[in-house]
Amino acid sequence: MRGLEGKAIILTGGASGIGRDAAIRLAEEGAKVGIFDLNEAGAQEVVDSIGADRAAAYRVDISDREQVAAAMAAFESHFGPTQGLANVAGWDSARLFMDTDPAVWDKVIRINLYGPLVMHHVVVRGMAERGFGRVVNISSDAGRVGSSGESVYAACKGGIIAFTKTLARELARNGVTLNILCPGPTDTPLFSDFTKDMPGGDRLAEGLAKAIPLRRLGRPDDYAGMIAFLLSDDAAFITGQTISISGGLTMA
């Protein structure tokens, strides 16, 4: 990928799953990666596998503006101004909407919607002021087509799509591009927790795999290349786009 060598990129949710593989791929492409995650031990394990000269881990609640600002300052003091941002962190709990309560809504919204809003308000502000930036937001096909048991999560992810497109229009003149990646069902720790909470969840993964034209669930490394591409100079003329990677399960 062109233009990733030496770029300072902040990535949320890099301790496991899609974020972990994306962090490793970005480092392989020569980027300097700051991993923001509540799971500091997991994030540090990823940093250890990459090397401290290319990555650093920060324990951050992305919905807390002060924590985000402090971690960004620490990252930039070590690696320089942030030039890329990948919002990968997410969380959900499988429940039919009528079985949920406001406490669940608050947690899902705080992590999946409010957290990315804070990350943009803190991190992308500097990009706009400097006249350059690349952002990739991980939404979900649940936000495009809906998904049973994920009502509030789908609402957040649909919001991320609309928010990203709007900000892409607002910041184009500042040299900042923003795009959305929508994974389909993916074999990650979050998916395992999700299916564990659903009636018949042990059969859900098998059923989804049969429904996907490519006949398998996604894997975290299926997305790392696209995240790297959208953060690279090869994607300099792409902004406001929604890209689904689902093995053909959903097609525009």
C-alpha atoms as a PDB file:
ATOM      1  CA  MET A   1       0.000   0.000   0.000  1.00  0.00           C
ATOM      2  CA  ARG A   2       1.343   3.433  -0.860  1.00  0.00           C
ATOM      3  CA  GLY A   3       1.814   6.060   1.815  1.00  0.00           C
ATOM      4  CA  LEU A   4       1.484   4.004   5.003  1.00  0.00           C
ATOM      5  CA  GLU A   5       5.207   3.911   5.767  1.00  0.00           C
ATOM      6  CA  GLY A   6       5.798   6.071   8.838  1.00  0.00           C
ATOM      7  CA  LYS A   7       2.177   7.203   9.176  1.00  0.00           C
ATOM      8  CA  ALA A   8       0.909   7.628  12.750  1.00  0.00           C
ATOM      9  CA  ILE A   9      -2.414   5.797  13.069  1.00  0.00           C
ATOM     10  CA  ILE A  10      -4.696   5.395  16.087  1.00  0.00           C
ATOM     11  CA  LEU A  11      -6.793   2.233  16.173  1.00  0.00           C
ATOM     12  CA  THR A  12      -9.491   1.415  18.729  1.00  0.00           C
ATOM     13  CA  GLY A  13     -10.343  -2.110  19.814  1.00  0.00           C
ATOM     14  CA  GLY A  14      -6.994  -3.552  18.807  1.00  0.00           C
ATOM     15  CA  ALA A  15      -6.657  -6.069  21.621  1.00  0.00           C
ATOM     16  CA  SER A  16      -8.517  -8.828  19.766  1.00  0.00           C
ATOM     17  CA  GLY A  17     -10.585  -9.737  16.732  1.00  0.00           C
ATOM     18  CA  ILE A  18     -10.651  -7.493  13.683  1.00  0.00           C
ATOM     19  CA  GLY A  19      -8.768  -4.726  15.474  1.00  0.00           C
ATOM     20  CA  ARG A  20      -5.882  -7.005  16.376  1.00  0.00           C
ATOM     21  CA  ASP A  21      -5.365  -8.204  12.817  1.00  0.00           C
ATOM     22  CA  ALA A  22      -5.724  -4.663  11.480  1.00  0.00           C
ATOM     23  CA  ALA A  23      -3.101  -3.328  13.898  1.00  0.00           C
ATOM     24  CA  ILE A  24      -0.641  -6.024  12.870  1.00  0.00           C
ATOM     25  CA  ARG A  25      -1.282  -5.426   9.149  1.00  0.00           C
ATOM     26  CA  LEU A  26      -0.821  -1.666   9.501  1.00  0.00           C
ATOM     27  CA  ALA A  27       2.488  -2.207  11.268  1.00  0.00           C
ATOM     28  CA  GLU A  28       3.560  -4.609   8.507  1.00  0.00           C
ATOM     29  CA  GLU A  29       2.818  -1.829   6.034  1.00  0.00           C
ATOM     30  CA  GLY A  30       5.161   0.450   7.996  1.00  0.00           C
ATOM     31  CA  ALA A  31       2.653   2.482  10.007  1.00  0.00           C
ATOM     32  CA  LYS A  32       3.117   3.508  13.636  1.00  0.00           C
ATOM     33  CA  VAL A  33       0.086   2.271  15.535  1.00  0.00           C
ATOM     34  CA  GLY A  34      -1.485   3.463  18.771  1.00  0.00           C
ATOM     35  CA  ILE A  35      -3.898   0.862  20.150  1.00  0.00           C
ATOM     36  CA  PHE A  36      -6.699   2.301  22.304  1.00  0.00           C
ATOM     37  CA  ASP A  37      -8.536  -0.415  24.237  1.00  0.00           C
ATOM     38  CA  LEU A  38      -9.985  -1.086  27.699  1.00  0.00           C
ATOM     39  CA  ASN A  39      -8.189  -4.442  27.563  1.00  0.00           C
ATOM     40  CA  GLU A  40      -4.721  -3.033  28.155  1.00  0.00           C
ATOM     41  CA  ALA A  41      -3.120  -6.449  28.666  1.00  0.00           C
ATOM     42  CA  GLY A  42      -4.475  -7.713  25.348  1.00  0.00           C
ATOM     43  CA  ALA A  43      -3.426  -4.533  23.583  1.00  0.00           C
ATOM     44  CA  GLN A  44       0.064  -4.827  25.043  1.00  0.00           C
ATOM     45  CA  GLU A  45       0.359  -8.404  23.774  1.00  0.00           C
ATOM     46  CA  VAL A  46      -0.349  -7.107  20.267  1.00  0.00           C
ATOM     47  CA  VAL A  47       2.257  -4.371  20.728  1.00  0.00           C
ATOM     48  CA  ASP A  48       4.793  -6.948  21.898  1.00  0.00           C
ATOM     49  CA  SER A  49       4.195  -8.960  18.729  1.00  0.00           C
ATOM     50  CA  ILE A  50       4.628  -5.834  16.579  1.00  0.00           C
ATOM     51  CA  GLY A  51       7.508  -4.164  18.418  1.00  0.00           C
ATOM     52  CA  ALA A  52       7.633  -1.039  20.589  1.00  0.00           C
ATOM     53  CA  ASP A  53       9.269   0.928  17.769  1.00  0.00           C
ATOM     54  CA  ARG A  54       6.087   0.539  15.700  1.00  0.00           C
ATOM     55  CA  ALA A  55       3.247   0.429  18.244  1.00  0.00           C
ATOM     56  CA  ALA A  56       2.076   1.435  21.713  1.00  0.00           C
ATOM     57  CA  ALA A  57      -0.889   0.406  23.873  1.00  0.00           C
ATOM     58  CA  TYR A  58      -3.118   2.757  25.857  1.00  0.00           C
ATOM     59  CA  ARG A  59      -5.912   1.833  28.263  1.00  0.00           C
ATOM     60  CA  VAL A  60      -8.774   4.028  27.051  1.00  0.00           C
ATOM     61  CA  ASP A  61     -12.530   4.209  27.518  1.00  0.00           C
ATOM     62  CA  ILE A  62     -13.321   5.722  24.132  1.00  0.00           C
ATOM     63  CA  SER A  63     -16.525   7.308  25.456  1.00  0.00           C
ATOM     64  CA  ASP A  64     -14.457   9.366  27.938  1.00  0.00           C
ATOM     65  CA  ARG A  65     -13.198  12.513  26.213  1.00  0.00           C
ATOM     66  CA  GLU A  66     -10.478  13.210  28.795  1.00  0.00           C
ATOM     67  CA  GLN A  67      -9.048   9.694  28.476  1.00  0.00           C
ATOM     68  CA  VAL A  68      -9.056   9.907  24.681  1.00  0.00           C
ATOM     69  CA  ALA A  69      -7.352  13.313  24.699  1.00  0.00           C
ATOM     70  CA  ALA A  70      -4.691  12.173  27.185  1.00  0.00           C
ATOM     71  CA  ALA A  71      -3.928   8.981  25.232  1.00  0.00           C
ATOM     72  CA  MET A  72      -3.751  10.883  21.945  1.00  0.00           C
ATOM     73  CA  ALA A  73      -1.320  13.377  23.467  1.00  0.00           C
ATOM     74  CA  ALA A  74       0.878  10.534  24.719  1.00  0.00           C
ATOM     75  CA  PHE A  75       0.774   8.800  21.328  1.00  0.00           C
ATOM     76  CA  GLU A  76       1.586  11.961  19.385  1.00  0.00           C
ATOM     77  CA  SER A  77       4.435  12.903  21.702  1.00  0.00           C
ATOM     78  CA  HIS A  78       6.038   9.572  20.809  1.00  0.00           C
ATOM     79  CA  PHE A  79       5.053   9.032  17.154  1.00  0.00           C
ATOM     80  CA  GLY A  80       4.080  12.474  15.848  1.00  0.00           C
ATOM     81  CA  PRO A  81       0.773  13.961  14.649  1.00  0.00           C
ATOM     82  CA  THR A  82      -2.011  11.475  13.995  1.00  0.00           C
ATOM     83  CA  GLN A  83      -2.620  10.949  10.283  1.00  0.00           C
ATOM     84  CA  GLY A  84      -5.018   8.006  10.366  1.00  0.00           C
ATOM     85  CA  LEU A  85      -7.819   6.695  12.558  1.00  0.00           C
ATOM     86  CA  ALA A  86      -9.520   3.295  12.538  1.00  0.00           C
ATOM     87  CA  ASN A  87     -12.546   2.988  14.822  1.00  0.00           C
ATOM     88  CA  VAL A  88     -12.883  -0.753  15.315  1.00  0.00           C
ATOM     89  CA  ALA A  89     -14.003  -1.124  18.956  1.00  0.00           C
ATOM     90  CA  GLY A  90     -17.525  -2.458  19.439  1.00  0.00           C
ATOM     91  CA  TRP A  91     -19.767  -4.442  21.772  1.00  0.00           C
ATOM     92  CA  ASP A  92     -23.192  -6.049  21.740  1.00  0.00           C
ATOM     93  CA  SER A  93     -25.410  -8.441  23.673  1.00  0.00           C
ATOM     94  CA  ALA A  94     -27.920 -10.615  21.824  1.00  0.00           C
ATOM     95  CA  ARG A  95     -31.458  -9.779  22.942  1.00  0.00           C
ATOM     96  CA  LEU A  96     -34.769  -9.133  21.260  1.00  0.00           C
ATOM     97  CA  PHE A  97     -35.596  -5.445  21.625  1.00  0.00           C
ATOM     98  CA  MET A  98     -38.635  -6.022  23.838  1.00  0.00           C
ATOM     99  CA  ASP A  99     -36.413  -7.948  26.247  1.00  0.00           C
ATOM    100  CA  THR A 100     -33.903  -5.099  26.615  1.00  0.00           C
ATOM    101  CA  ASP A 101     -33.887  -2.196  29.047  1.00  0.00           C
ATOM    102  CA  PRO A 102     -32.363   1.303  29.098  1.00  0.00           C
ATOM    103  CA  ALA A 103     -29.255   0.080  30.919  1.00  0.00           C
ATOM    104  CA  VAL A 104     -28.413  -2.184  27.971  1.00  0.00           C
ATOM    105  CA  TRP A 105     -29.216   0.601  25.493  1.00  0.00           C
ATOM    106  CA  ASP A 106     -26.891   2.964  27.326  1.00  0.00           C
ATOM    107  CA  LYS A 107     -23.951   0.542  27.220  1.00  0.00           C
ATOM    108  CA  VAL A 108     -24.429  -0.367  23.558  1.00  0.00           C
ATOM    109  CA  ILE A 109     -24.821   3.272  22.531  1.00  0.00           C
ATOM    110  CA  ARG A 110     -21.885   4.455  24.645  1.00  0.00           C
ATOM    111  CA  ILE A 111     -19.468   1.997  23.064  1.00  0.00           C
ATOM    112  CA  ASN A 112     -20.745   1.793  19.481  1.00  0.00           C
ATOM    113  CA  LEU A 113     -21.935   5.345  18.812  1.00  0.00           C
ATOM    114  CA  TYR A 114     -20.864   7.812  21.473  1.00  0.00           C
ATOM    115  CA  GLY A 115     -17.325   6.412  21.599  1.00  0.00           C
ATOM    116  CA  PRO A 116     -16.664   6.944  17.874  1.00  0.00           C
ATOM    117  CA  LEU A 117     -18.200  10.434  18.110  1.00  0.00           C
ATOM    118  CA  VAL A 118     -15.699  11.301  20.846  1.00  0.00           C
ATOM    119  CA  MET A 119     -12.821   9.824  18.839  1.00  0.00           C
ATOM    120  CA  HIS A 120     -13.719  11.991  15.849  1.00  0.00           C
ATOM    121  CA  HIS A 121     -14.214  15.131  17.900  1.00  0.00           C
ATOM    122  CA  VAL A 122     -10.802  14.752  19.556  1.00  0.00           C
ATOM    123  CA  VAL A 123      -8.609  13.056  16.945  1.00  0.00           C
ATOM    124  CA  VAL A 124     -10.048  14.198  13.621  1.00  0.00           C
ATOM    125  CA  ARG A 125     -10.032  17.829  14.725  1.00  0.00           C
ATOM    126  CA  GLY A 126      -6.235  17.860  14.509  1.00  0.00           C
ATOM    127  CA  MET A 127      -6.306  16.204  11.086  1.00  0.00           C
ATOM    128  CA  ALA A 128      -8.654  18.879   9.751  1.00  0.00           C
ATOM    129  CA  GLU A 129      -6.504  21.652  11.178  1.00  0.00           C
ATOM    130  CA  ARG A 130      -3.367  20.160   9.573  1.00  0.00           C
ATOM    131  CA  GLY A 131      -5.118  19.558   6.235  1.00  0.00           C
ATOM    132  CA  PHE A 132      -4.692  15.791   6.015  1.00  0.00           C
ATOM    133  CA  GLY A 133      -6.274  12.665   7.452  1.00  0.00           C
ATOM    134  CA  ARG A 134      -7.683   9.230   6.673  1.00  0.00           C
ATOM    135  CA  VAL A 135     -10.474   7.622   8.724  1.00  0.00           C
ATOM    136  CA  VAL A 136     -12.030   4.175   8.551  1.00  0.00           C
ATOM    137  CA  ASN A 137     -15.089   3.465  10.679  1.00  0.00           C
ATOM    138  CA  ILE A 138     -16.145  -0.115  11.267  1.00  0.00           C
ATOM    139  CA  SER A 139     -19.914  -0.292  11.070  1.00  0.00           C
ATOM    140  CA  SER A 140     -21.735  -3.564  10.379  1.00  0.00           C
ATOM    141  CA  ASP A 141     -24.077  -5.059   7.844  1.00  0.00           C
ATOM    142  CA  ALA A 142     -26.531  -4.998  10.764  1.00  0.00           C
ATOM    143  CA  GLY A 143     -26.549  -1.238  10.254  1.00  0.00           C
ATOM    144  CA  ARG A 144     -27.354  -1.650   6.545  1.00  0.00           C
ATOM    145  CA  VAL A 145     -29.963  -4.404   6.520  1.00  0.00           C
ATOM    146  CA  GLY A 146     -30.888  -5.048  10.178  1.00  0.00           C
ATOM    147  CA  SER A 147     -30.235  -8.135  12.292  1.00  0.00           C
ATOM    148  CA  SER A 148     -32.513  -9.955  14.730  1.00  0.00           C
ATOM    149  CA  GLY A 149     -31.337  -9.628  18.317  1.00  0.00           C
ATOM    150  CA  GLU A 150     -29.225  -6.570  17.510  1.00  0.00           C
ATOM    151  CA  SER A 151     -31.757  -3.735  17.383  1.00  0.00           C
ATOM    152  CA  VAL A 152     -29.890  -1.071  19.352  1.00  0.00           C
ATOM    153  CA  TYR A 153     -26.515  -2.178  17.978  1.00  0.00           C
ATOM    154  CA  ALA A 154     -27.924  -1.945  14.439  1.00  0.00           C
ATOM    155  CA  ALA A 155     -29.263   1.528  15.208  1.00  0.00           C
ATOM    156  CA  CYS A 156     -25.787   2.614  16.326  1.00  0.00           C
ATOM    157  CA  LYS A 157     -24.094   1.102  13.304  1.00  0.00           C
ATOM    158  CA  GLY A 158     -26.611   2.688  10.959  1.00  0.00           C
ATOM    159  CA  GLY A 159     -25.875   5.959  12.713  1.00  0.00           C
ATOM    160  CA  ILE A 160     -22.152   5.493  12.114  1.00  0.00           C
ATOM    161  CA  ILE A 161     -22.818   5.124   8.380  1.00  0.00           C
ATOM    162  CA  ALA A 162     -24.847   8.342   8.229  1.00  0.00           C
ATOM    163  CA  PHE A 163     -22.412  10.209  10.484  1.00  0.00           C
ATOM    164  CA  THR A 164     -19.382   9.178   8.423  1.00  0.00           C
ATOM    165  CA  LYS A 165     -20.980  10.226   5.145  1.00  0.00           C
ATOM    166  CA  THR A 166     -21.919  13.593   6.633  1.00  0.00           C
ATOM    167  CA  LEU A 167     -18.452  14.217   8.057  1.00  0.00           C
ATOM    168  CA  ALA A 168     -16.904  13.135   4.742  1.00  0.00           C
ATOM    169  CA  ARG A 169     -18.802  15.997   3.101  1.00  0.00           C
ATOM    170  CA  GLU A 170     -17.895  18.490   5.822  1.00  0.00           C
ATOM    171  CA  LEU A 171     -14.182  17.684   5.905  1.00  0.00           C
ATOM    172  CA  ALA A 172     -13.399  17.032   2.242  1.00  0.00           C
ATOM    173  CA  ARG A 173     -12.119  20.585   1.835  1.00  0.00           C
ATOM    174  CA  ASN A 174      -9.781  19.964   4.782  1.00  0.00           C
ATOM    175  CA  GLY A 175      -8.110  17.003   3.085  1.00  0.00           C
ATOM    176  CA  VAL A 176      -9.708  14.404   5.381  1.00  0.00           C
ATOM    177  CA  THR A 177     -11.318  11.291   3.887  1.00  0.00           C
ATOM    178  CA  LEU A 178     -13.717   9.073   5.815  1.00  0.00           C
ATOM    179  CA  ASN A 179     -15.077   5.677   4.752  1.00  0.00           C
ATOM    180  CA  ILE A 180     -17.105   2.877   6.291  1.00  0.00           C
ATOM    181  CA  LEU A 181     -16.407  -0.852   6.382  1.00  0.00           C
ATOM    182  CA  CYS A 182     -19.351  -3.157   7.121  1.00  0.00           C
ATOM    183  CA  PRO A 183     -18.358  -6.682   8.150  1.00  0.00           C
ATOM    184  CA  GLY A 184     -20.813  -9.543   7.915  1.00  0.00           C
ATOM    185  CA  PRO A 185     -20.918 -12.363  10.503  1.00  0.00           C
ATOM    186  CA  THR A 186     -17.348 -12.868  11.698  1.00  0.00           C
ATOM    187  CA  ASP A 187     -15.717 -15.455  13.940  1.00  0.00           C
ATOM    188  CA  THR A 188     -14.471 -13.153  16.717  1.00  0.00           C
ATOM    189  CA  PRO A 189     -14.694 -13.179  20.547  1.00  0.00           C
ATOM    190  CA  LEU A 190     -17.585 -10.703  20.261  1.00  0.00           C
ATOM    191  CA  PHE A 191     -19.479 -13.083  17.958  1.00  0.00           C
ATOM    192  CA  SER A 192     -18.905 -15.962  20.377  1.00  0.00           C
ATOM    193  CA  ASP A 193     -20.293 -13.910  23.260  1.00  0.00           C
ATOM    194  CA  PHE A 194     -23.214 -12.822  21.080  1.00  0.00           C
ATOM    195  CA  THR A 195     -24.259 -16.335  20.057  1.00  0.00           C
ATOM    196  CA  LYS A 196     -23.846 -17.583  23.625  1.00  0.00           C
ATOM    197  CA  ASP A 197     -26.640 -15.215  24.715  1.00  0.00           C
ATOM    198  CA  MET A 198     -29.094 -16.264  21.974  1.00  0.00           C
ATOM    199  CA  PRO A 199     -31.524 -19.193  22.116  1.00  0.00           C
ATOM    200  CA  GLY A 200     -30.132 -21.790  19.729  1.00  0.00           C
ATOM    201  CA  GLY A 201     -26.939 -19.765  19.448  1.00  0.00           C
ATOM    202  CA  ASP A 202     -24.843 -22.902  19.184  1.00  0.00           C
ATOM    203  CA  ARG A 203     -26.483 -23.554  15.795  1.00  0.00           C
ATOM    204  CA  LEU A 204     -26.396 -19.945  14.600  1.00  0.00           C
ATOM    205  CA  ALA A 205     -22.810 -19.979  13.329  1.00  0.00           C
ATOM    206  CA  GLU A 206     -23.426 -23.162  11.350  1.00  0.00           C
ATOM    207  CA  GLY A 207     -26.622 -21.756   9.852  1.00  0.00           C
ATOM    208  CA  LEU A 208     -24.979 -18.482   8.902  1.00  0.00           C
ATOM    209  CA  ALA A 209     -22.077 -20.285   7.260  1.00  0.00           C
ATOM    210  CA  LYS A 210     -24.541 -22.204   5.092  1.00  0.00           C
ATOM    211  CA  ALA A 211     -26.349 -18.986   4.142  1.00  0.00           C
ATOM    212  CA  ILE A 212     -23.168 -17.184   3.093  1.00  0.00           C
ATOM    213  CA  PRO A 213     -22.394 -17.802  -0.602  1.00  0.00           C
ATOM    214  CA  LEU A 214     -18.694 -18.328   0.175  1.00  0.00           C
ATOM    215  CA  ARG A 215     -19.783 -20.912   2.770  1.00  0.00           C
ATOM    216  CA  ARG A 216     -17.938 -19.680   5.836  1.00  0.00           C
ATOM    217  CA  LEU A 217     -18.001 -16.976   8.472  1.00  0.00           C
ATOM    218  CA  GLY A 218     -15.648 -14.048   8.080  1.00  0.00           C
ATOM    219  CA  ARG A 219     -12.272 -14.127   9.786  1.00  0.00           C
ATOM    220  CA  PRO A 220     -10.540 -11.083  11.330  1.00  0.00           C
ATOM    221  CA  ASP A 221      -7.852 -11.138   8.645  1.00  0.00           C
ATOM    222  CA  ASP A 222     -10.511 -10.772   5.936  1.00  0.00           C
ATOM    223  CA  TYR A 223     -10.809  -7.076   6.841  1.00  0.00           C
ATOM    224  CA  ALA A 224      -7.273  -5.975   7.660  1.00  0.00           C
ATOM    225  CA  GLY A 225      -6.292  -5.411   4.022  1.00  0.00           C
ATOM    226  CA  MET A 226      -9.296  -3.199   3.295  1.00  0.00           C
ATOM    227  CA  ILE A 227      -8.682  -1.151   6.449  1.00  0.00           C
ATOM    228  CA  ALA A 228      -5.053  -0.661   5.410  1.00  0.00           C
ATOM    229  CA  PHE A 229      -6.112   0.234   1.863  1.00  0.00           C
ATOM    230  CA  LEU A 230      -8.605   2.887   2.970  1.00  0.00           C
ATOM    231  CA  LEU A 231      -5.961   4.439   5.217  1.00  0.00           C
ATOM    232  CA  SER A 232      -3.379   4.450   2.438  1.00  0.00           C
ATOM    233  CA  ASP A 233      -2.664   6.871  -0.387  1.00  0.00           C
ATOM    234  CA  ASP A 234      -4.069   4.306  -2.812  1.00  0.00           C
ATOM    235  CA  ALA A 235      -7.512   5.379  -1.514  1.00  0.00           C
ATOM    236  CA  ALA A 236      -6.847   9.130  -1.709  1.00  0.00           C
ATOM    237  CA  PHE A 237      -9.847   9.769  -4.000  1.00  0.00           C
ATOM    238  CA  ILE A 238     -12.317   7.620  -2.035  1.00  0.00           C
ATOM    239  CA  THR A 239     -14.500   9.231   0.631  1.00  0.00           C
ATOM    240  CA  GLY A 240     -17.979   8.751   2.059  1.00  0.00           C
ATOM    241  CA  GLN A 241     -18.219   5.157   0.818  1.00  0.00           C
ATOM    242  CA  THR A 242     -19.724   2.105   2.513  1.00  0.00           C
ATOM    243  CA  ILE A 243     -18.005  -1.190   1.722  1.00  0.00           C
ATOM    244  CA  SER A 244     -19.565  -4.493   2.770  1.00  0.00           C
ATOM    245  CA  ILE A 245     -17.375  -7.556   3.321  1.00  0.00           C
ATOM    246  CA  SER A 246     -19.696 -10.442   4.025  1.00  0.00           C
ATOM    247  CA  GLY A 247     -18.808 -13.336   1.751  1.00  0.00           C
ATOM    248  CA  GLY A 248     -21.780 -12.365  -0.391  1.00  0.00           C
ATOM    249  CA  LEU A 249     -24.383 -12.665   2.394  1.00  0.00           C
ATOM    250  CA  THR A 250     -25.497  -9.096   1.718  1.00  0.00           C
ATOM    251  CA  MET A 251     -25.262  -7.464  -1.678  1.00  0.00           C
ATOM    252  CA  ALA A 252     -26.129  -3.849  -2.519  1.00  0.00           C
END
